[in-house]
Amino acid sequence: MLRSGGLESSNVQPIAETTQMVEILRAYQASQKMVDSLSEMRRQAIGRLGRLGN
C-alpha cells in the first residue's frame, strides 16, 4: 500500500555491512602478507642455492 508522505525503509544494515567489509579487508591483508612472506622465503632459498653452486 502506498501512502503519501511515508518514508521508504532500506534493507541495508550499515553497521553490519561495514563490519563485514573490515573483516574481508583484514583477511585480504593477512593473505597478502602470507604471499609476501612466501615470496621472500623463495628468494632467500634461491640465493642460498646459488651460493652452494659456486
N, C-alpha and C. Protein backbone atom coordinates (compact mmCIF):
# COMPACT_ATOMS: atom_id res chain seq x y z
N MET A 1 0.84 -1.17 0.00
CA MET A 1 0.00 0.00 0.00
C MET A 1 0.89 1.24 0.00
N LEU A 2 0.54 2.20 -0.82
CA LEU A 2 1.29 3.46 -0.90
C LEU A 2 0.62 4.51 -0.06
N ARG A 3 1.47 5.24 0.66
CA ARG A 3 0.94 6.34 1.47
C ARG A 3 1.68 7.62 1.14
N SER A 4 0.98 8.67 1.05
CA SER A 4 1.59 9.96 0.81
C SER A 4 2.38 10.39 2.04
N GLY A 5 3.62 10.84 1.83
CA GLY A 5 4.42 11.33 2.95
C GLY A 5 5.13 10.22 3.73
N GLY A 6 4.95 8.97 3.31
CA GLY A 6 5.59 7.86 4.02
C GLY A 6 7.08 7.80 3.70
N LEU A 7 7.86 7.20 4.60
CA LEU A 7 9.30 7.06 4.39
C LEU A 7 9.61 5.66 3.87
N GLU A 8 10.50 5.62 2.94
CA GLU A 8 10.92 4.33 2.39
C GLU A 8 12.04 3.79 3.26
N SER A 9 11.92 2.56 3.68
CA SER A 9 12.97 1.98 4.52
C SER A 9 13.97 1.23 3.65
N SER A 10 15.18 1.11 4.16
CA SER A 10 16.25 0.46 3.42
C SER A 10 16.43 -0.95 3.95
N ASN A 11 16.86 -1.86 3.07
CA ASN A 11 17.14 -3.22 3.52
C ASN A 11 18.63 -3.40 3.82
N VAL A 12 19.37 -2.28 3.88
CA VAL A 12 20.80 -2.31 4.17
C VAL A 12 21.02 -2.01 5.65
N GLN A 13 21.90 -2.80 6.25
CA GLN A 13 22.27 -2.56 7.66
C GLN A 13 23.71 -2.04 7.65
N PRO A 14 23.88 -0.72 7.73
CA PRO A 14 25.20 -0.13 7.53
C PRO A 14 26.28 -0.64 8.50
N ILE A 15 25.95 -0.83 9.75
CA ILE A 15 26.96 -1.28 10.72
C ILE A 15 27.40 -2.70 10.40
N ALA A 16 26.45 -3.57 10.09
CA ALA A 16 26.78 -4.96 9.74
C ALA A 16 27.60 -5.01 8.46
N GLU A 17 27.25 -4.22 7.47
CA GLU A 17 27.96 -4.20 6.19
C GLU A 17 29.38 -3.66 6.38
N THR A 18 29.54 -2.62 7.18
CA THR A 18 30.86 -2.05 7.44
C THR A 18 31.73 -3.06 8.18
N THR A 19 31.15 -3.74 9.16
CA THR A 19 31.90 -4.75 9.90
C THR A 19 32.36 -5.86 8.98
N GLN A 20 31.49 -6.31 8.10
CA GLN A 20 31.85 -7.36 7.15
C GLN A 20 32.94 -6.89 6.19
N MET A 21 32.87 -5.65 5.75
CA MET A 21 33.91 -5.12 4.87
C MET A 21 35.26 -5.07 5.57
N VAL A 22 35.28 -4.69 6.85
CA VAL A 22 36.53 -4.64 7.61
C VAL A 22 37.08 -6.05 7.77
N GLU A 23 36.23 -7.03 8.04
CA GLU A 23 36.68 -8.42 8.17
C GLU A 23 37.28 -8.92 6.85
N ILE A 24 36.65 -8.60 5.74
CA ILE A 24 37.15 -9.01 4.43
C ILE A 24 38.50 -8.35 4.15
N LEU A 25 38.60 -7.06 4.48
CA LEU A 25 39.86 -6.34 4.28
C LEU A 25 40.98 -6.97 5.10
N ARG A 26 40.71 -7.30 6.35
CA ARG A 26 41.74 -7.91 7.21
C ARG A 26 42.15 -9.29 6.70
N ALA A 27 41.20 -10.06 6.21
CA ALA A 27 41.52 -11.38 5.65
C ALA A 27 42.38 -11.21 4.40
N TYR A 28 42.06 -10.23 3.57
CA TYR A 28 42.86 -9.96 2.38
C TYR A 28 44.28 -9.55 2.76
N GLN A 29 44.40 -8.68 3.76
CA GLN A 29 45.71 -8.22 4.19
C GLN A 29 46.54 -9.38 4.74
N ALA A 30 45.92 -10.27 5.50
CA ALA A 30 46.63 -11.43 6.03
C ALA A 30 47.09 -12.34 4.90
N SER A 31 46.25 -12.54 3.91
CA SER A 31 46.61 -13.36 2.76
C SER A 31 47.77 -12.73 1.99
N GLN A 32 47.71 -11.44 1.80
CA GLN A 32 48.77 -10.73 1.09
C GLN A 32 50.09 -10.83 1.85
N LYS A 33 50.02 -10.72 3.17
CA LYS A 33 51.24 -10.83 3.98
C LYS A 33 51.84 -12.23 3.85
N MET A 34 51.00 -13.24 3.82
CA MET A 34 51.49 -14.61 3.66
C MET A 34 52.15 -14.79 2.29
N VAL A 35 51.55 -14.27 1.25
CA VAL A 35 52.12 -14.36 -0.09
C VAL A 35 53.48 -13.65 -0.12
N ASP A 36 53.56 -12.48 0.50
CA ASP A 36 54.83 -11.75 0.54
C ASP A 36 55.89 -12.55 1.30
N SER A 37 55.51 -13.17 2.40
CA SER A 37 56.45 -13.98 3.19
C SER A 37 56.95 -15.17 2.38
N LEU A 38 56.06 -15.83 1.67
CA LEU A 38 56.46 -16.97 0.85
C LEU A 38 57.39 -16.54 -0.28
N SER A 39 57.12 -15.40 -0.87
CA SER A 39 57.99 -14.88 -1.93
C SER A 39 59.38 -14.59 -1.38
N GLU A 40 59.45 -14.01 -0.20
CA GLU A 40 60.74 -13.73 0.43
C GLU A 40 61.48 -15.02 0.76
N MET A 41 60.77 -16.02 1.25
CA MET A 41 61.40 -17.32 1.55
C MET A 41 61.97 -17.95 0.28
N ARG A 42 61.22 -17.89 -0.81
CA ARG A 42 61.71 -18.43 -2.09
C ARG A 42 62.95 -17.69 -2.56
N ARG A 43 62.90 -16.36 -2.44
CA ARG A 43 64.04 -15.55 -2.86
C ARG A 43 65.29 -15.93 -2.06
N GLN A 44 65.14 -16.09 -0.75
CA GLN A 44 66.27 -16.46 0.09
C GLN A 44 66.77 -17.87 -0.25
N ALA A 45 65.85 -18.79 -0.48
CA ALA A 45 66.24 -20.17 -0.81
C ALA A 45 67.01 -20.20 -2.13
N ILE A 46 66.55 -19.46 -3.12
CA ILE A 46 67.24 -19.42 -4.42
C ILE A 46 68.63 -18.81 -4.24
N GLY A 47 68.73 -17.77 -3.42
CA GLY A 47 70.03 -17.16 -3.16
C GLY A 47 70.99 -18.13 -2.49
N ARG A 48 70.51 -18.89 -1.54
CA ARG A 48 71.36 -19.86 -0.86
C ARG A 48 71.78 -20.97 -1.80
N LEU A 49 70.86 -21.45 -2.61
CA LEU A 49 71.21 -22.50 -3.57
C LEU A 49 72.24 -21.99 -4.58
N GLY A 50 72.13 -20.75 -4.96
CA GLY A 50 73.08 -20.16 -5.90
C GLY A 50 74.48 -20.09 -5.30
N ARG A 51 74.56 -19.79 -4.01
CA ARG A 51 75.87 -19.73 -3.36
C ARG A 51 76.48 -21.12 -3.20
N LEU A 52 75.66 -22.15 -3.03
CA LEU A 52 76.16 -23.51 -2.88
C LEU A 52 76.83 -24.01 -4.17
N GLY A 53 76.34 -23.54 -5.30
CA GLY A 53 76.87 -23.98 -6.58
C GLY A 53 78.22 -23.38 -6.93
N ASN A 54 78.63 -22.36 -6.22
CA ASN A 54 79.92 -21.68 -6.54
C ASN A 54 81.09 -22.39 -5.94
